[in-house]
Amino acid sequence: MTQPVLPSLDQVRQWLSVVPDPEIPVISLTDLGIIRDVNWDDDTLVVTVTPTYSGCPATSVINLDIENELRARGIEKITLKRQLSPPWTTDWISAEGREKLRAYGIAPPIDGTAADGRLMERIERLASGSNLAVACPRCGSSRTEMVSRFGSTPCKASWRCHDCLEPFDYFKCI
């Protein structure tokens, strides 16, 4: 009996690149950086997922969406592996994902300011004063202020622009 031909890992990653984040549907799970690895273990596809934080309320929906997409593509044997270490960081959001957030009206996290465990490097980045202003995703102004540390989802904060006067969400650095 012949073994079925398994899709390539690149093909699987391409399929997963269309699965949207359930809380911010403009960005895919791969753009968000939470799909950490995809591998075949014999005829079982193993997808490693690192949630944005261990208590993320969307984790079960994310897992269901991954399974549904892969099953719709003919993958029958799937194992979803949850990986909490290293913890997810906003530095894992792709450049394309950051642009999608901005175009959707959410200010993306400021590059290189995530708490990534490299304390001295983070101190140097923050001390340099570069790219610390949260730019308004609507008009681009850096004359903005935080209104609340809590936004529409746990991963966002509420901000306001002083130039266009519009409120917006900022995707917090984690």
N, C-alpha and C. Protein backbone atom coordinates (compact mmCIF):
# COMPACT_ATOMS: atom_id res chain seq x y z
N MET A 1 0.85 -1.18 0.00
CA MET A 1 0.00 0.00 0.00
C MET A 1 0.89 1.24 0.00
N THR A 2 0.58 2.18 -0.84
CA THR A 2 1.38 3.41 -0.96
C THR A 2 1.00 4.41 0.12
N GLN A 3 2.04 5.10 0.58
CA GLN A 3 1.84 6.17 1.55
C GLN A 3 1.24 7.38 0.84
N PRO A 4 0.28 8.06 1.48
CA PRO A 4 -0.25 9.28 0.85
C PRO A 4 0.83 10.36 0.82
N VAL A 5 0.78 11.17 -0.21
CA VAL A 5 1.74 12.26 -0.34
C VAL A 5 1.30 13.38 0.61
N LEU A 6 2.21 13.73 1.50
CA LEU A 6 1.91 14.78 2.48
C LEU A 6 2.28 16.14 1.90
N PRO A 7 1.48 17.16 2.16
CA PRO A 7 1.83 18.49 1.67
C PRO A 7 3.14 18.97 2.31
N SER A 8 3.84 19.80 1.60
CA SER A 8 5.10 20.33 2.12
C SER A 8 4.82 21.26 3.31
N LEU A 9 5.82 21.45 4.12
CA LEU A 9 5.67 22.36 5.27
C LEU A 9 5.45 23.79 4.80
N ASP A 10 6.06 24.17 3.68
CA ASP A 10 5.81 25.50 3.12
C ASP A 10 4.35 25.67 2.72
N GLN A 11 3.78 24.62 2.14
CA GLN A 11 2.36 24.67 1.77
C GLN A 11 1.49 24.81 3.01
N VAL A 12 1.80 24.05 4.05
CA VAL A 12 1.03 24.12 5.29
C VAL A 12 1.13 25.52 5.89
N ARG A 13 2.33 26.09 5.90
CA ARG A 13 2.50 27.45 6.44
C ARG A 13 1.68 28.45 5.63
N GLN A 14 1.64 28.25 4.32
CA GLN A 14 0.83 29.14 3.47
C GLN A 14 -0.65 29.02 3.82
N TRP A 15 -1.12 27.81 4.05
CA TRP A 15 -2.52 27.63 4.45
C TRP A 15 -2.79 28.33 5.78
N LEU A 16 -1.86 28.19 6.72
CA LEU A 16 -2.05 28.80 8.04
C LEU A 16 -1.97 30.33 7.98
N SER A 17 -1.34 30.86 6.95
CA SER A 17 -1.19 32.31 6.84
C SER A 17 -2.51 33.03 6.55
N VAL A 18 -3.56 32.27 6.26
CA VAL A 18 -4.86 32.90 6.02
C VAL A 18 -5.80 32.79 7.23
N VAL A 19 -5.33 32.12 8.28
CA VAL A 19 -6.17 31.97 9.48
C VAL A 19 -6.07 33.26 10.29
N PRO A 20 -7.19 33.98 10.44
CA PRO A 20 -7.14 35.26 11.15
C PRO A 20 -7.12 35.10 12.66
N ASP A 21 -6.55 36.08 13.33
CA ASP A 21 -6.65 36.15 14.78
C ASP A 21 -8.12 36.43 15.11
N PRO A 22 -8.73 35.71 16.05
CA PRO A 22 -10.15 35.92 16.32
C PRO A 22 -10.48 37.28 16.96
N GLU A 23 -9.52 37.90 17.62
CA GLU A 23 -9.78 39.20 18.25
C GLU A 23 -9.45 40.37 17.32
N ILE A 24 -8.49 40.15 16.42
CA ILE A 24 -8.11 41.19 15.46
C ILE A 24 -8.04 40.52 14.09
N PRO A 25 -9.18 40.35 13.42
CA PRO A 25 -9.23 39.52 12.21
C PRO A 25 -8.44 40.05 11.01
N VAL A 26 -7.93 41.25 11.09
CA VAL A 26 -7.15 41.78 9.98
C VAL A 26 -5.73 41.18 9.93
N ILE A 27 -5.32 40.55 11.02
CA ILE A 27 -3.97 39.99 11.10
C ILE A 27 -4.07 38.47 11.22
N SER A 28 -3.19 37.75 10.53
CA SER A 28 -3.21 36.29 10.58
C SER A 28 -2.41 35.79 11.79
N LEU A 29 -2.63 34.54 12.11
CA LEU A 29 -1.90 33.92 13.21
C LEU A 29 -0.40 33.86 12.93
N THR A 30 -0.05 33.71 11.65
CA THR A 30 1.38 33.69 11.31
C THR A 30 1.96 35.10 11.38
N ASP A 31 1.21 36.12 10.94
CA ASP A 31 1.67 37.50 11.08
C ASP A 31 1.85 37.86 12.55
N LEU A 32 0.97 37.35 13.39
CA LEU A 32 1.04 37.61 14.82
C LEU A 32 2.25 36.92 15.46
N GLY A 33 2.74 35.88 14.81
CA GLY A 33 3.93 35.19 15.29
C GLY A 33 3.66 34.13 16.33
N ILE A 34 2.39 33.69 16.46
CA ILE A 34 2.10 32.70 17.50
C ILE A 34 2.23 31.26 16.99
N ILE A 35 2.26 31.07 15.68
CA ILE A 35 2.54 29.74 15.14
C ILE A 35 4.05 29.62 15.07
N ARG A 36 4.61 28.88 15.99
CA ARG A 36 6.06 28.83 16.16
C ARG A 36 6.73 27.77 15.29
N ASP A 37 6.02 26.68 15.01
CA ASP A 37 6.66 25.61 14.25
C ASP A 37 5.58 24.73 13.62
N VAL A 38 5.94 24.13 12.51
CA VAL A 38 5.08 23.18 11.81
C VAL A 38 5.99 22.04 11.36
N ASN A 39 5.64 20.81 11.75
CA ASN A 39 6.45 19.65 11.38
C ASN A 39 5.58 18.42 11.20
N TRP A 40 6.11 17.49 10.43
CA TRP A 40 5.47 16.19 10.28
C TRP A 40 6.12 15.22 11.25
N ASP A 41 5.31 14.47 11.98
CA ASP A 41 5.76 13.35 12.81
C ASP A 41 5.09 12.13 12.20
N ASP A 42 5.80 11.45 11.32
CA ASP A 42 5.22 10.41 10.46
C ASP A 42 4.10 11.05 9.64
N ASP A 43 2.84 10.60 9.82
CA ASP A 43 1.74 11.16 9.04
C ASP A 43 0.88 12.13 9.86
N THR A 44 1.39 12.57 11.01
CA THR A 44 0.68 13.52 11.87
C THR A 44 1.34 14.88 11.76
N LEU A 45 0.54 15.89 11.48
CA LEU A 45 1.05 17.25 11.42
C LEU A 45 1.06 17.83 12.83
N VAL A 46 2.21 18.32 13.26
CA VAL A 46 2.36 18.92 14.58
C VAL A 46 2.53 20.42 14.39
N VAL A 47 1.60 21.19 14.95
CA VAL A 47 1.64 22.64 14.88
C VAL A 47 1.90 23.16 16.29
N THR A 48 3.00 23.88 16.45
CA THR A 48 3.36 24.44 17.76
C THR A 48 2.86 25.87 17.83
N VAL A 49 2.07 26.15 18.87
CA VAL A 49 1.45 27.46 19.05
C VAL A 49 1.88 28.05 20.39
N THR A 50 2.32 29.30 20.36
CA THR A 50 2.62 30.04 21.59
C THR A 50 1.58 31.14 21.71
N PRO A 51 0.67 31.02 22.70
CA PRO A 51 -0.35 32.07 22.85
C PRO A 51 0.29 33.40 23.24
N THR A 52 -0.43 34.47 22.98
CA THR A 52 0.10 35.79 23.30
C THR A 52 0.35 35.94 24.79
N TYR A 53 -0.44 35.29 25.59
CA TYR A 53 -0.15 35.14 27.02
C TYR A 53 -0.89 33.92 27.51
N SER A 54 -0.45 33.36 28.62
CA SER A 54 -0.97 32.05 29.05
C SER A 54 -2.47 32.05 29.34
N GLY A 55 -3.04 33.19 29.69
CA GLY A 55 -4.47 33.26 29.97
C GLY A 55 -5.29 33.83 28.84
N CYS A 56 -4.75 33.86 27.64
CA CYS A 56 -5.45 34.45 26.50
C CYS A 56 -6.80 33.76 26.29
N PRO A 57 -7.90 34.54 26.34
CA PRO A 57 -9.22 33.94 26.20
C PRO A 57 -9.50 33.39 24.80
N ALA A 58 -8.69 33.77 23.83
CA ALA A 58 -8.94 33.33 22.45
C ALA A 58 -8.19 32.04 22.10
N THR A 59 -7.42 31.47 23.02
CA THR A 59 -6.60 30.31 22.71
C THR A 59 -7.41 29.14 22.16
N SER A 60 -8.53 28.81 22.77
CA SER A 60 -9.30 27.66 22.29
C SER A 60 -9.89 27.93 20.90
N VAL A 61 -10.30 29.17 20.65
CA VAL A 61 -10.82 29.53 19.32
C VAL A 61 -9.70 29.45 18.29
N ILE A 62 -8.52 29.93 18.65
CA ILE A 62 -7.36 29.86 17.75
C ILE A 62 -7.07 28.41 17.38
N ASN A 63 -7.03 27.53 18.38
CA ASN A 63 -6.76 26.12 18.10
C ASN A 63 -7.83 25.51 17.20
N LEU A 64 -9.08 25.84 17.45
CA LEU A 64 -10.18 25.33 16.61
C LEU A 64 -10.05 25.85 15.18
N ASP A 65 -9.71 27.12 15.02
CA ASP A 65 -9.54 27.69 13.68
C ASP A 65 -8.39 27.04 12.92
N ILE A 66 -7.29 26.76 13.62
CA ILE A 66 -6.16 26.07 12.99
C ILE A 66 -6.60 24.69 12.51
N GLU A 67 -7.25 23.95 13.41
CA GLU A 67 -7.71 22.61 13.04
C GLU A 67 -8.69 22.64 11.88
N ASN A 68 -9.65 23.56 11.92
CA ASN A 68 -10.64 23.65 10.84
C ASN A 68 -9.98 23.95 9.50
N GLU A 69 -9.02 24.86 9.47
CA GLU A 69 -8.33 25.20 8.22
C GLU A 69 -7.57 23.99 7.67
N LEU A 70 -6.86 23.31 8.54
CA LEU A 70 -6.06 22.17 8.09
C LEU A 70 -6.94 20.99 7.66
N ARG A 71 -8.01 20.75 8.39
CA ARG A 71 -8.93 19.66 8.00
C ARG A 71 -9.62 19.98 6.67
N ALA A 72 -9.94 21.25 6.45
CA ALA A 72 -10.54 21.65 5.17
C ALA A 72 -9.56 21.43 4.01
N ARG A 73 -8.28 21.38 4.32
CA ARG A 73 -7.23 21.15 3.31
C ARG A 73 -6.86 19.68 3.19
N GLY A 74 -7.58 18.82 3.94
CA GLY A 74 -7.36 17.39 3.82
C GLY A 74 -6.41 16.78 4.84
N ILE A 75 -5.94 17.56 5.79
CA ILE A 75 -5.07 17.02 6.83
C ILE A 75 -5.96 16.36 7.89
N GLU A 76 -5.77 15.07 8.11
CA GLU A 76 -6.62 14.35 9.05
C GLU A 76 -6.00 14.21 10.43
N LYS A 77 -4.71 13.98 10.47
CA LYS A 77 -4.04 13.77 11.75
C LYS A 77 -3.28 15.04 12.13
N ILE A 78 -3.76 15.69 13.21
CA ILE A 78 -3.20 16.97 13.64
C ILE A 78 -2.97 16.93 15.15
N THR A 79 -1.80 17.39 15.55
CA THR A 79 -1.52 17.59 16.96
C THR A 79 -1.17 19.06 17.15
N LEU A 80 -1.88 19.71 18.05
CA LEU A 80 -1.57 21.09 18.40
C LEU A 80 -0.78 21.07 19.68
N LYS A 81 0.42 21.62 19.62
CA LYS A 81 1.31 21.63 20.77
C LYS A 81 1.39 23.05 21.31
N ARG A 82 1.06 23.22 22.57
CA ARG A 82 1.13 24.54 23.21
C ARG A 82 2.51 24.73 23.81
N GLN A 83 3.18 25.80 23.43
CA GLN A 83 4.53 26.08 23.91
C GLN A 83 4.53 27.44 24.61
N LEU A 84 4.81 27.45 25.90
CA LEU A 84 4.78 28.69 26.67
C LEU A 84 6.17 29.30 26.86
N SER A 85 7.22 28.55 26.55
CA SER A 85 8.57 29.06 26.73
C SER A 85 9.36 28.85 25.45
N PRO A 86 9.97 29.89 24.91
CA PRO A 86 9.97 31.24 25.43
C PRO A 86 8.58 31.88 25.26
N PRO A 87 8.24 32.80 26.14
CA PRO A 87 6.93 33.44 26.02
C PRO A 87 6.85 34.31 24.78
N TRP A 88 5.64 34.42 24.24
CA TRP A 88 5.40 35.25 23.06
C TRP A 88 5.77 36.69 23.37
N THR A 89 6.25 37.39 22.38
CA THR A 89 6.58 38.80 22.50
C THR A 89 6.08 39.52 21.25
N THR A 90 5.73 40.78 21.40
CA THR A 90 5.26 41.55 20.25
C THR A 90 6.36 41.73 19.20
N ASP A 91 7.60 41.46 19.57
CA ASP A 91 8.68 41.50 18.57
C ASP A 91 8.48 40.42 17.50
N TRP A 92 7.65 39.41 17.78
CA TRP A 92 7.40 38.34 16.83
C TRP A 92 6.38 38.72 15.77
N ILE A 93 5.70 39.84 15.91
CA ILE A 93 4.74 40.27 14.89
C ILE A 93 5.53 40.67 13.65
N SER A 94 5.13 40.14 12.51
CA SER A 94 5.85 40.42 11.27
C SER A 94 5.68 41.87 10.84
N ALA A 95 6.57 42.33 9.98
CA ALA A 95 6.47 43.69 9.44
C ALA A 95 5.15 43.86 8.69
N GLU A 96 4.75 42.83 7.95
CA GLU A 96 3.47 42.88 7.23
C GLU A 96 2.31 42.95 8.22
N GLY A 97 2.41 42.21 9.31
CA GLY A 97 1.38 42.23 10.33
C GLY A 97 1.26 43.60 10.99
N ARG A 98 2.39 44.25 11.23
CA ARG A 98 2.38 45.59 11.81
C ARG A 98 1.70 46.59 10.88
N GLU A 99 1.97 46.45 9.60
CA GLU A 99 1.34 47.35 8.62
C GLU A 99 -0.17 47.08 8.53
N LYS A 100 -0.57 45.82 8.62
CA LYS A 100 -1.99 45.49 8.61
C LYS A 100 -2.70 46.10 9.81
N LEU A 101 -2.05 46.04 10.98
CA LEU A 101 -2.64 46.66 12.18
C LEU A 101 -2.82 48.16 11.97
N ARG A 102 -1.77 48.81 11.47
CA ARG A 102 -1.81 50.27 11.25
C ARG A 102 -2.93 50.64 10.27
N ALA A 103 -3.02 49.90 9.17
CA ALA A 103 -4.05 50.19 8.16
C ALA A 103 -5.46 49.96 8.71
N TYR A 104 -5.58 49.10 9.68
CA TYR A 104 -6.87 48.78 10.31
C TYR A 104 -7.25 49.81 11.39
N GLY A 105 -6.28 50.65 11.75
CA GLY A 105 -6.55 51.68 12.76
C GLY A 105 -6.02 51.36 14.14
N ILE A 106 -5.18 50.34 14.25
CA ILE A 106 -4.55 49.98 15.52
C ILE A 106 -3.06 50.31 15.41
N ALA A 107 -2.57 51.12 16.34
CA ALA A 107 -1.14 51.43 16.34
C ALA A 107 -0.38 50.16 16.73
N PRO A 108 0.56 49.72 15.88
CA PRO A 108 1.32 48.52 16.22
C PRO A 108 2.30 48.80 17.36
N PRO A 109 2.76 47.74 18.02
CA PRO A 109 3.73 47.94 19.09
C PRO A 109 4.99 48.60 18.56
N ILE A 110 5.60 49.41 19.39
CA ILE A 110 6.82 50.10 18.99
C ILE A 110 7.94 49.07 18.85
N ASP A 111 8.61 49.08 17.72
CA ASP A 111 9.67 48.11 17.45
C ASP A 111 10.72 48.11 18.55
N GLY A 112 11.09 46.89 18.97
CA GLY A 112 12.21 46.73 19.88
C GLY A 112 11.97 47.15 21.31
N THR A 113 10.74 47.33 21.74
CA THR A 113 10.50 47.73 23.12
C THR A 113 9.84 46.64 23.94
N ALA A 114 9.67 45.47 23.38
CA ALA A 114 9.03 44.38 24.12
C ALA A 114 9.95 43.89 25.23
N ALA A 115 9.34 43.42 26.29
CA ALA A 115 10.10 42.84 27.40
C ALA A 115 10.52 41.44 26.97
N ASP A 116 11.69 41.34 26.40
CA ASP A 116 12.11 40.09 25.78
C ASP A 116 13.14 39.31 26.59
N GLY A 117 13.36 39.70 27.83
CA GLY A 117 14.31 38.98 28.65
C GLY A 117 15.74 39.45 28.49
N ARG A 118 15.99 40.36 27.56
CA ARG A 118 17.34 40.89 27.36
C ARG A 118 17.37 42.30 27.94
N LEU A 119 17.41 42.37 29.27
CA LEU A 119 17.23 43.62 29.99
C LEU A 119 18.20 44.71 29.54
N MET A 120 19.47 44.40 29.43
CA MET A 120 20.44 45.45 29.08
C MET A 120 20.18 46.00 27.67
N GLU A 121 19.86 45.12 26.74
CA GLU A 121 19.54 45.58 25.38
C GLU A 121 18.30 46.46 25.39
N ARG A 122 17.30 46.07 26.18
CA ARG A 122 16.06 46.85 26.26
C ARG A 122 16.33 48.22 26.87
N ILE A 123 17.14 48.27 27.92
CA ILE A 123 17.48 49.55 28.54
C ILE A 123 18.16 50.46 27.53
N GLU A 124 19.09 49.91 26.75
CA GLU A 124 19.77 50.71 25.73
C GLU A 124 18.80 51.23 24.68
N ARG A 125 17.88 50.38 24.24
CA ARG A 125 16.90 50.80 23.24
C ARG A 125 16.03 51.94 23.78
N LEU A 126 15.58 51.78 25.03
CA LEU A 126 14.70 52.79 25.61
C LEU A 126 15.46 54.07 25.95
N ALA A 127 16.70 53.93 26.39
CA ALA A 127 17.49 55.11 26.76
C ALA A 127 17.88 55.95 25.55
N SER A 128 17.93 55.32 24.39
CA SER A 128 18.32 56.06 23.19
C SER A 128 17.24 57.05 22.77
N GLY A 129 16.02 56.84 23.25
CA GLY A 129 14.93 57.76 22.94
C GLY A 129 14.37 57.57 21.54
N SER A 130 14.87 56.59 20.81
CA SER A 130 14.37 56.41 19.45
C SER A 130 13.05 55.66 19.47
N ASN A 131 12.22 55.96 18.53
CA ASN A 131 10.92 55.35 18.24
C ASN A 131 10.04 55.07 19.47
N LEU A 132 10.03 55.97 20.45
CA LEU A 132 9.23 55.74 21.64
C LEU A 132 7.85 56.38 21.56
N ALA A 133 7.61 57.26 20.62
CA ALA A 133 6.29 57.89 20.49
C ALA A 133 5.34 56.95 19.75
N VAL A 134 4.13 56.82 20.28
CA VAL A 134 3.11 56.01 19.62
C VAL A 134 2.46 56.89 18.55
N ALA A 135 2.66 56.52 17.31
CA ALA A 135 2.11 57.30 16.20
C ALA A 135 0.65 56.95 15.98
N CYS A 136 -0.15 57.97 15.71
CA CYS A 136 -1.56 57.77 15.39
C CYS A 136 -1.66 56.98 14.08
N PRO A 137 -2.41 55.87 14.07
CA PRO A 137 -2.52 55.08 12.84
C PRO A 137 -3.37 55.78 11.77
N ARG A 138 -4.10 56.81 12.14
CA ARG A 138 -4.95 57.51 11.18
C ARG A 138 -4.21 58.64 10.46
N CYS A 139 -3.52 59.50 11.24
CA CYS A 139 -2.87 60.66 10.61
C CYS A 139 -1.35 60.63 10.71
N GLY A 140 -0.79 59.71 11.48
CA GLY A 140 0.66 59.58 11.59
C GLY A 140 1.30 60.48 12.64
N SER A 141 0.54 61.32 13.28
CA SER A 141 1.08 62.24 14.28
C SER A 141 1.63 61.47 15.48
N SER A 142 2.71 61.98 16.04
CA SER A 142 3.25 61.40 17.27
C SER A 142 2.80 62.19 18.49
N ARG A 143 1.94 63.19 18.27
CA ARG A 143 1.36 63.95 19.39
C ARG A 143 0.14 63.18 19.90
N THR A 144 0.44 62.14 20.67
CA THR A 144 -0.60 61.24 21.16
C THR A 144 -0.44 61.05 22.66
N GLU A 145 -1.52 60.57 23.29
CA GLU A 145 -1.45 60.28 24.72
C GLU A 145 -2.28 59.06 25.04
N MET A 146 -1.85 58.35 26.08
CA MET A 146 -2.60 57.20 26.54
C MET A 146 -3.81 57.68 27.35
N VAL A 147 -4.97 57.14 27.03
CA VAL A 147 -6.20 57.45 27.76
C VAL A 147 -6.41 56.41 28.86
N SER A 148 -6.14 55.15 28.52
CA SER A 148 -6.32 54.06 29.47
C SER A 148 -5.36 52.93 29.11
N ARG A 149 -4.81 52.27 30.10
CA ARG A 149 -3.94 51.12 29.86
C ARG A 149 -4.73 49.92 29.37
N PHE A 150 -6.04 50.02 29.42
CA PHE A 150 -6.90 48.92 29.02
C PHE A 150 -7.73 49.32 27.81
N GLY A 151 -7.65 48.52 26.75
CA GLY A 151 -8.39 48.82 25.52
C GLY A 151 -9.48 47.80 25.28
N SER A 152 -9.81 47.62 24.01
CA SER A 152 -10.91 46.74 23.64
C SER A 152 -10.61 45.26 23.87
N THR A 153 -9.34 44.90 23.95
CA THR A 153 -8.93 43.54 24.31
C THR A 153 -7.77 43.68 25.29
N PRO A 154 -7.44 42.60 26.02
CA PRO A 154 -6.36 42.70 27.01
C PRO A 154 -4.99 43.10 26.42
N CYS A 155 -4.79 42.87 25.14
CA CYS A 155 -3.49 43.17 24.54
C CYS A 155 -3.40 44.60 24.00
N LYS A 156 -4.43 45.39 24.20
CA LYS A 156 -4.41 46.76 23.66
C LYS A 156 -4.69 47.79 24.75
N ALA A 157 -4.22 49.02 24.50
CA ALA A 157 -4.49 50.17 25.37
C ALA A 157 -5.21 51.22 24.53
N SER A 158 -5.96 52.10 25.21
CA SER A 158 -6.68 53.17 24.51
C SER A 158 -5.82 54.43 24.48
N TRP A 159 -5.69 55.03 23.29
CA TRP A 159 -4.91 56.24 23.08
C TRP A 159 -5.75 57.27 22.34
N ARG A 160 -5.28 58.51 22.32
CA ARG A 160 -5.94 59.59 21.60
C ARG A 160 -4.87 60.43 20.91
N CYS A 161 -5.23 60.91 19.73
CA CYS A 161 -4.34 61.78 18.95
C CYS A 161 -4.72 63.24 19.21
N HIS A 162 -3.73 64.08 19.48
CA HIS A 162 -3.98 65.51 19.72
C HIS A 162 -4.16 66.28 18.41
N ASP A 163 -3.71 65.73 17.29
CA ASP A 163 -3.85 66.44 16.02
C ASP A 163 -5.17 66.16 15.33
N CYS A 164 -5.51 64.89 15.12
CA CYS A 164 -6.78 64.58 14.45
C CYS A 164 -7.91 64.34 15.44
N LEU A 165 -7.57 64.29 16.73
CA LEU A 165 -8.53 64.14 17.83
C LEU A 165 -9.24 62.79 17.85
N GLU A 166 -8.75 61.84 17.10
CA GLU A 166 -9.37 60.52 17.05
C GLU A 166 -8.81 59.60 18.12
N PRO A 167 -9.67 58.78 18.73
CA PRO A 167 -9.18 57.75 19.64
C PRO A 167 -8.68 56.55 18.81
N PHE A 168 -7.78 55.77 19.37
CA PHE A 168 -7.32 54.57 18.68
C PHE A 168 -6.77 53.59 19.70
N ASP A 169 -6.69 52.33 19.30
CA ASP A 169 -6.07 51.29 20.12
C ASP A 169 -4.59 51.24 19.79
N TYR A 170 -3.80 50.95 20.81
CA TYR A 170 -2.36 50.69 20.66
C TYR A 170 -2.12 49.27 21.11
N PHE A 171 -1.49 48.46 20.26
CA PHE A 171 -1.17 47.08 20.60
C PHE A 171 0.01 47.11 21.56
N LYS A 172 -0.23 46.81 22.82
CA LYS A 172 0.79 46.93 23.86
C LYS A 172 1.99 46.03 23.60
N CYS A 173 3.15 46.52 23.98
CA CYS A 173 4.36 45.71 23.92
C CYS A 173 4.36 44.70 25.05
N ILE A 174 4.61 43.49 24.69
CA ILE A 174 4.65 42.41 25.68
C ILE A 174 5.97 41.69 25.54
